[in-house]
Amino acid sequence: MGKKKHKRPESESEALDRGDSEAQLVNGCSPEKKKRKKKKKLENEEIEGEKREPVSKPTVSIAVSGSIIDNAQSLELATRLAGQIARAATIFRIDEVVVFDSGRNSVTGSDTVAANNSDEDESGAAFLIRILKYLETPQYLRKALFPKHNNLRFVGMLPPLDAPHHLRKHEWGPYREGVTLTQRERAPDARGTPVDVGLSKNVVVDEVLEPGIRVTVAMGTDRNLLADLPRQVASSSRPVEEGLYWGYRVRYASCLSGVFKESSYKGGYDHVIGTSEHGMVAKSSELKLPSFRHLLIAFGGLAGLEESIEEDNSLKGKDPREIFSSYLNTCPLQGSRTIRTEEAIFISLQYFQEPISRAMQVAAD
């Protein structure tokens, strides 16, 4: 009797469709989708259990409005903008990027999937998600995980993220990201599943898995690829537990309230920070953050978080200080009348570096 095939976390292209299909958030966005949404969420949690379960290390997430893409004057400029956000998330070791829509721009799951499977124009949020996920994926996996798409035309001009899990062909690490291959790409008498991990030779893992799935492979210390020693599929959280930065995850929310209420972490975010020129001014060296398990920092779109609040049926009319644990101005002495969101992300993440480090140290002690 053959071995039963197990499903691992889905491929990046599948995850893009899944992430975008989560447009129907129930909290003030699309109440009529509530039952189907709950069922879908349970299914996703079972499939992505290893990724969704919080690890022992505190996590930092950022939320970004997809409307910033709508202001870009060309596809090339929109791609560059998305690349800046991906670079910022990687440089500052962000664990999760949540892309949220405004209430008037949110789309249904069927509309989003249709856009994903064609070269037609897609929403700013869907575009941003596509580029973020593409850049987070190691280069040697992109061809297998991402079908050709018109909106990926200019990604080749972006600087690489050069994240720790983007290992080069000559490099060896305790873990490598890989994609499972089809049955015909292994010897007839071989057991397990062949996986392309970006080396000169494919490795074999000791499980029978569906082809085209992204997995994290524990490589061990034996670098002899000719021996065909079976490797093990590891939880994607294991490198993080061992102190490595292993990239960011991307999630879609159809409105600002969905960012909080549809958190992928059990128990949600325990400290939420909003950034705005109308926020409180405090020196980074004097800012004290409480110990946290999951921190979220939110950035508004073209008109700031205030507009995002007014466009959300669940939050409309509320003061931002009622919504966020902290509402801060991270660049009070700005010379320009406006700070672009991609600029604000770099400024703010640098501003929060020291307070976050102090909070994590207190939690560790």
Protein backbone atom coordinates (compact mmCIF):
# COMPACT_ATOMS: atom_id res chain seq x y z
CA MET A 1 0.00 0.00 0.00
CA GLY A 2 1.44 3.40 -0.99
CA LYS A 3 2.09 6.10 1.48
CA LYS A 4 -0.65 8.63 2.05
CA LYS A 5 0.08 12.08 0.71
CA HIS A 6 0.08 14.85 3.27
CA LYS A 7 -0.56 18.51 2.56
CA ARG A 8 2.07 20.98 3.69
CA PRO A 9 1.65 24.79 3.69
CA GLU A 10 0.52 25.85 0.23
CA SER A 11 2.67 27.28 -2.50
CA GLU A 12 3.23 31.02 -2.74
CA SER A 13 0.98 31.33 -5.78
CA GLU A 14 -1.75 29.43 -3.94
CA ALA A 15 -1.16 31.53 -0.86
CA LEU A 16 -1.61 34.68 -2.93
CA ASP A 17 -5.03 33.50 -4.10
CA ARG A 18 -5.91 32.43 -0.57
CA GLY A 19 -4.68 35.65 0.99
CA ASP A 20 -6.59 37.78 -1.48
CA SER A 21 -9.72 35.70 -1.11
CA GLU A 22 -9.79 36.72 2.53
CA ALA A 23 -11.25 40.01 1.37
CA GLN A 24 -14.60 39.14 2.93
CA LEU A 25 -13.87 40.13 6.52
CA VAL A 26 -16.91 40.05 8.75
CA ASN A 27 -16.15 42.93 11.07
CA GLY A 28 -17.95 45.81 9.42
CA CYS A 29 -16.79 44.89 5.91
CA SER A 30 -18.93 42.03 4.56
CA PRO A 31 -21.23 40.61 7.26
CA GLU A 32 -23.09 38.37 4.82
CA LYS A 33 -19.90 36.29 4.36
CA LYS A 34 -19.55 35.44 8.07
CA LYS A 35 -20.30 31.71 8.02
CA ARG A 36 -18.23 30.99 4.93
CA LYS A 37 -15.40 33.11 6.32
CA LYS A 38 -15.32 31.18 9.61
CA LYS A 39 -15.19 27.87 7.76
CA LYS A 40 -12.43 29.13 5.45
CA LYS A 41 -10.44 30.43 8.41
CA LEU A 42 -10.56 27.06 10.16
CA GLU A 43 -9.38 25.31 7.00
CA ASN A 44 -6.52 27.78 6.57
CA GLU A 45 -5.48 27.39 10.18
CA GLU A 46 -5.28 23.62 9.78
CA ILE A 47 -3.18 23.90 6.63
CA GLU A 48 -0.97 26.70 7.89
CA GLY A 49 -0.88 25.66 11.53
CA GLU A 50 2.88 25.63 11.65
CA LYS A 51 3.09 29.19 10.32
CA ARG A 52 0.15 30.66 12.21
CA GLU A 53 0.98 29.33 15.65
CA PRO A 54 3.04 31.90 17.55
CA VAL A 55 6.65 31.03 18.27
CA SER A 56 8.35 31.75 21.57
CA LYS A 57 10.01 34.86 20.18
CA PRO A 58 7.88 38.04 20.20
CA THR A 59 6.75 39.09 16.73
CA VAL A 60 6.53 42.48 15.04
CA SER A 61 3.99 43.10 12.28
CA ILE A 62 3.31 46.13 10.12
CA ALA A 63 0.03 47.06 8.43
CA VAL A 64 0.11 49.08 5.20
CA SER A 65 -2.73 50.52 3.13
CA GLY A 66 -2.88 49.17 -0.41
CA SER A 67 -4.07 52.59 -1.58
CA ILE A 68 -0.47 53.81 -1.76
CA ILE A 69 -0.08 51.80 -4.97
CA ASP A 70 -3.01 53.64 -6.58
CA ASN A 71 -1.02 56.87 -6.45
CA ALA A 72 1.89 55.47 -8.48
CA GLN A 73 2.02 56.95 -11.98
CA SER A 74 3.26 53.82 -13.76
CA LEU A 75 3.69 50.09 -13.26
CA GLU A 76 7.44 50.58 -12.90
CA LEU A 77 7.04 53.16 -10.13
CA ALA A 78 4.45 51.00 -8.36
CA THR A 79 6.88 48.08 -8.47
CA ARG A 80 9.68 50.22 -7.03
CA LEU A 81 7.38 51.38 -4.23
CA ALA A 82 6.47 47.80 -3.32
CA GLY A 83 10.16 46.89 -3.43
CA GLN A 84 10.95 49.62 -0.88
CA ILE A 85 8.39 48.20 1.53
CA ALA A 86 9.80 44.70 1.09
CA ARG A 87 13.31 46.00 1.76
CA ALA A 88 12.18 47.86 4.90
CA ALA A 89 10.38 44.78 6.23
CA THR A 90 13.48 42.64 5.71
CA ILE A 91 16.03 45.13 7.02
CA PHE A 92 14.07 45.56 10.26
CA ARG A 93 13.24 41.84 10.61
CA ILE A 94 9.47 42.23 10.33
CA ASP A 95 7.58 38.97 10.82
CA GLU A 96 4.32 39.87 9.07
CA VAL A 97 3.11 42.46 6.57
CA VAL A 98 -0.65 43.07 6.51
CA VAL A 99 -1.97 44.87 3.43
CA PHE A 100 -5.39 46.41 3.98
CA ASP A 101 -7.88 47.97 1.60
CA SER A 102 -10.14 50.94 2.10
CA GLY A 103 -13.82 50.15 2.40
CA ARG A 104 -14.61 51.45 -1.09
CA ASN A 105 -11.75 49.55 -2.73
CA SER A 106 -12.17 46.16 -1.06
CA VAL A 107 -13.02 43.33 -3.45
CA THR A 108 -14.82 40.04 -3.26
CA GLY A 109 -12.91 36.80 -3.24
CA SER A 110 -14.12 35.77 -6.71
CA ASP A 111 -13.11 39.12 -8.22
CA THR A 112 -9.68 38.91 -6.64
CA VAL A 113 -9.03 35.38 -7.87
CA ALA A 114 -10.11 36.38 -11.37
CA ALA A 115 -7.61 39.22 -11.31
CA ASN A 116 -4.87 36.95 -10.03
CA ASN A 117 -5.31 34.44 -12.83
CA SER A 118 -5.20 36.99 -15.63
CA ASP A 119 -3.11 39.94 -16.75
CA GLU A 120 -5.94 42.37 -16.14
CA ASP A 121 -5.48 45.31 -13.81
CA GLU A 122 -5.70 44.36 -10.15
CA SER A 123 -6.31 46.45 -7.06
CA GLY A 124 -3.46 48.25 -5.34
CA ALA A 125 -3.65 45.85 -2.40
CA ALA A 126 -3.55 42.75 -4.62
CA PHE A 127 -0.62 44.20 -6.56
CA LEU A 128 1.31 44.99 -3.38
CA ILE A 129 0.69 41.51 -1.99
CA ARG A 130 1.92 39.92 -5.22
CA ILE A 131 5.20 41.86 -5.25
CA LEU A 132 5.82 41.41 -1.52
CA LYS A 133 5.36 37.65 -1.73
CA TYR A 134 7.42 37.37 -4.88
CA LEU A 135 10.36 39.23 -3.34
CA GLU A 136 10.20 37.26 -0.09
CA THR A 137 10.50 33.99 -2.03
CA PRO A 138 14.09 32.80 -2.68
CA GLN A 139 15.09 33.47 -6.29
CA TYR A 140 15.51 29.81 -7.21
CA LEU A 141 11.88 29.05 -6.27
CA ARG A 142 10.12 31.90 -8.06
CA LYS A 143 9.75 30.28 -11.46
CA ALA A 144 8.09 27.22 -9.92
CA LEU A 145 5.83 29.12 -7.54
CA PHE A 146 4.81 32.16 -9.56
CA PRO A 147 3.22 31.91 -13.00
CA LYS A 148 4.04 34.68 -15.47
CA HIS A 149 2.04 37.82 -14.84
CA ASN A 150 2.06 41.25 -16.40
CA ASN A 151 2.47 42.96 -13.02
CA LEU A 152 5.76 41.13 -12.43
CA ARG A 153 7.39 42.71 -15.50
CA PHE A 154 9.64 45.09 -13.57
CA VAL A 155 10.58 43.02 -10.52
CA GLY A 156 13.93 42.18 -12.10
CA MET A 157 15.13 45.73 -11.62
CA LEU A 158 14.53 45.69 -7.85
CA PRO A 159 17.41 45.18 -5.44
CA PRO A 160 17.33 41.71 -3.85
CA LEU A 161 16.23 41.35 -0.25
CA ASP A 162 19.27 39.15 0.46
CA ALA A 163 17.49 37.68 3.48
CA PRO A 164 19.08 34.79 5.42
CA HIS A 165 16.78 32.24 3.74
CA HIS A 166 17.83 33.47 0.27
CA LEU A 167 20.87 31.21 0.20
CA ARG A 168 23.09 31.09 -2.85
CA LYS A 169 23.92 27.92 -4.74
CA HIS A 170 27.35 27.54 -3.11
CA GLU A 171 26.14 28.26 0.43
CA TRP A 172 25.17 25.69 3.02
CA GLY A 173 22.81 26.39 5.88
CA PRO A 174 20.97 24.39 8.53
CA TYR A 175 17.73 25.07 6.64
CA ARG A 176 16.78 25.83 3.06
CA GLU A 177 13.49 26.75 1.45
CA GLY A 178 12.44 24.37 -1.32
CA VAL A 179 9.62 23.35 -3.61
CA THR A 180 8.38 19.78 -3.89
CA LEU A 181 8.73 18.11 -7.30
CA THR A 182 6.60 15.62 -9.21
CA GLN A 183 6.85 11.85 -8.89
CA ARG A 184 8.55 11.44 -12.27
CA GLU A 185 11.47 13.58 -11.12
CA ARG A 186 12.72 10.89 -8.74
CA ALA A 187 13.93 7.35 -9.19
CA PRO A 188 11.14 4.70 -9.44
CA ASP A 189 12.41 2.88 -6.36
CA ALA A 190 13.00 6.03 -4.30
CA ARG A 191 10.97 6.81 -1.23
CA GLY A 192 9.87 10.21 -0.08
CA THR A 193 9.61 13.34 -2.18
CA PRO A 194 12.28 15.15 -4.23
CA VAL A 195 12.67 18.83 -3.34
CA ASP A 196 14.46 21.58 -5.23
CA VAL A 197 16.36 23.59 -2.60
CA GLY A 198 18.49 25.59 -5.00
CA LEU A 199 21.57 23.36 -4.91
CA SER A 200 23.33 21.51 -7.73
CA LYS A 201 21.25 18.42 -6.92
CA ASN A 202 17.76 17.97 -5.56
CA VAL A 203 17.35 16.52 -2.08
CA VAL A 204 14.80 13.96 -0.91
CA VAL A 205 12.62 14.44 2.14
CA ASP A 206 11.25 11.51 4.12
CA GLU A 207 7.58 12.32 3.42
CA VAL A 208 5.33 11.87 0.40
CA LEU A 209 4.03 15.33 -0.48
CA GLU A 210 2.05 16.95 -3.26
CA PRO A 211 4.19 18.65 -5.94
CA GLY A 212 4.52 22.42 -6.17
CA ILE A 213 4.46 23.13 -2.43
CA ARG A 214 6.94 25.39 -0.67
CA VAL A 215 8.56 23.71 2.32
CA THR A 216 11.37 24.37 4.79
CA VAL A 217 13.94 21.57 4.72
CA ALA A 218 16.29 20.77 7.62
CA MET A 219 19.56 20.14 5.78
CA GLY A 220 21.59 18.73 8.67
CA THR A 221 25.37 18.73 8.68
CA ASP A 222 26.07 16.16 5.95
CA ARG A 223 26.82 18.12 2.79
CA ASN A 224 27.19 15.04 0.59
CA LEU A 225 24.34 15.33 -1.91
CA LEU A 226 25.38 12.19 -3.78
CA ALA A 227 24.42 9.92 -0.88
CA ASP A 228 20.69 10.72 -1.28
CA LEU A 229 20.25 10.80 2.47
CA PRO A 230 16.63 11.66 3.30
CA ARG A 231 16.19 15.11 4.82
CA GLN A 232 13.35 16.24 7.03
CA VAL A 233 10.66 18.84 6.42
CA ALA A 234 10.76 21.35 9.27
CA SER A 235 8.21 23.82 10.55
CA SER A 236 8.83 27.22 9.01
CA SER A 237 8.97 28.58 12.57
CA ARG A 238 11.92 26.43 13.58
CA PRO A 239 14.63 28.69 12.06
CA VAL A 240 13.00 31.63 13.86
CA GLU A 241 13.04 29.74 17.15
CA GLU A 242 16.77 29.22 16.63
CA GLY A 243 17.37 32.94 16.23
CA LEU A 244 17.37 33.25 12.43
CA TYR A 245 15.32 35.80 10.54
CA TRP A 246 13.30 33.75 8.05
CA GLY A 247 11.40 36.37 6.08
CA TYR A 248 7.96 37.87 6.47
CA ARG A 249 4.48 36.51 5.86
CA VAL A 250 1.87 38.52 3.97
CA ARG A 251 -1.79 38.78 4.86
CA TYR A 252 -4.72 40.66 3.28
CA ALA A 253 -7.42 42.58 5.15
CA SER A 254 -10.30 44.26 3.36
CA CYS A 255 -10.45 47.12 5.86
CA LEU A 256 -8.53 48.51 8.82
CA SER A 257 -10.63 46.73 11.45
CA GLY A 258 -9.91 43.45 9.70
CA VAL A 259 -6.22 43.98 10.38
CA PHE A 260 -6.89 43.62 14.12
CA LYS A 261 -9.82 41.23 14.20
CA GLU A 262 -8.49 38.73 11.65
CA SER A 263 -5.03 38.39 13.19
CA SER A 264 -3.25 35.19 12.23
CA TYR A 265 -1.85 34.94 15.76
CA LYS A 266 -3.77 33.18 18.48
CA GLY A 267 -5.06 35.85 20.85
CA GLY A 268 -4.38 38.62 18.33
CA TYR A 269 -2.03 41.56 18.77
CA ASP A 270 -1.48 42.61 22.36
CA HIS A 271 -0.08 46.06 21.50
CA VAL A 272 -1.13 48.11 18.46
CA ILE A 273 0.61 51.32 17.42
CA GLY A 274 -0.76 53.86 14.94
CA THR A 275 1.56 56.33 13.20
CA SER A 276 0.38 59.81 12.18
CA GLU A 277 1.52 63.41 12.05
CA HIS A 278 -1.35 64.02 14.49
CA GLY A 279 -0.01 61.53 17.01
CA MET A 280 1.78 62.09 20.29
CA VAL A 281 5.40 63.22 20.12
CA ALA A 282 7.94 61.28 22.19
CA LYS A 283 11.66 60.71 21.89
CA SER A 284 12.58 57.20 20.85
CA SER A 285 15.00 56.95 23.78
CA GLU A 286 12.19 57.80 26.22
CA LEU A 287 9.41 55.69 24.69
CA LYS A 288 8.52 52.69 26.82
CA LEU A 289 6.64 49.82 25.24
CA PRO A 290 5.09 47.12 27.41
CA SER A 291 6.24 43.54 27.08
CA PHE A 292 4.42 42.02 24.15
CA ARG A 293 3.97 38.77 22.27
CA HIS A 294 2.66 40.26 19.05
CA LEU A 295 3.22 43.93 18.23
CA LEU A 296 1.53 45.67 15.29
CA ILE A 297 2.55 49.02 13.78
CA ALA A 298 -0.01 50.52 11.37
CA PHE A 299 0.63 53.00 8.54
CA GLY A 300 -2.10 54.86 6.70
CA GLY A 301 -2.56 55.47 3.00
CA LEU A 302 -2.55 58.68 0.98
CA ALA A 303 -4.59 60.61 3.59
CA GLY A 304 -3.31 58.80 6.68
CA LEU A 305 -4.91 56.46 9.19
CA GLU A 306 -7.66 58.98 9.90
CA GLU A 307 -9.13 58.42 6.44
CA SER A 308 -8.80 54.64 6.80
CA ILE A 309 -10.80 54.87 10.02
CA GLU A 310 -13.56 56.91 8.40
CA GLU A 311 -13.83 54.42 5.52
CA ASP A 312 -14.29 51.49 7.89
CA ASN A 313 -17.87 50.79 8.95
CA SER A 314 -16.73 49.37 12.30
CA LEU A 315 -14.43 52.28 13.18
CA LYS A 316 -16.06 55.32 11.59
CA GLY A 317 -16.38 58.25 13.97
CA LYS A 318 -13.94 56.86 16.53
CA ASP A 319 -10.94 58.74 17.83
CA PRO A 320 -7.69 57.02 16.73
CA ARG A 321 -6.58 56.95 20.37
CA GLU A 322 -9.53 54.67 21.14
CA ILE A 323 -8.39 52.23 18.46
CA PHE A 324 -4.65 52.11 19.01
CA SER A 325 -2.71 51.37 22.18
CA SER A 326 -0.34 54.18 21.16
CA TYR A 327 -0.79 56.88 18.52
CA LEU A 328 2.57 58.42 17.71
CA ASN A 329 4.26 60.96 15.47
CA THR A 330 7.64 59.43 14.68
CA CYS A 331 8.94 62.41 12.66
CA PRO A 332 7.70 65.61 14.33
CA LEU A 333 10.24 67.98 12.76
CA GLN A 334 9.56 67.10 9.14
CA GLY A 335 10.59 69.67 6.56
CA SER A 336 8.22 68.45 3.86
CA ARG A 337 4.49 68.96 4.23
CA THR A 338 3.99 65.27 3.47
CA ILE A 339 5.87 62.09 4.23
CA ARG A 340 5.18 59.25 1.82
CA THR A 341 4.15 55.94 3.36
CA GLU A 342 7.26 54.12 2.12
CA GLU A 343 9.36 56.85 3.74
CA ALA A 344 7.33 56.74 6.95
CA ILE A 345 7.90 52.99 7.22
CA PHE A 346 11.70 53.38 7.17
CA ILE A 347 11.60 56.35 9.55
CA SER A 348 9.24 54.70 12.00
CA LEU A 349 10.86 51.27 12.07
CA GLN A 350 14.18 52.91 12.87
CA TYR A 351 12.44 55.01 15.53
CA PHE A 352 10.96 51.88 17.15
CA GLN A 353 14.19 49.85 17.05
CA GLU A 354 15.39 50.84 20.51
CA PRO A 355 11.98 50.74 22.30
CA ILE A 356 11.24 47.31 20.79
CA SER A 357 14.65 45.99 21.84
CA ARG A 358 14.11 47.22 25.41
CA ALA A 359 10.65 45.63 25.58
CA MET A 360 11.99 42.31 24.27
CA GLN A 361 14.84 42.41 26.76
CA VAL A 362 12.42 42.95 29.65
CA ALA A 363 10.33 40.02 28.42
CA ALA A 364 13.43 37.81 28.17
CA ASP A 365 14.48 38.67 31.72
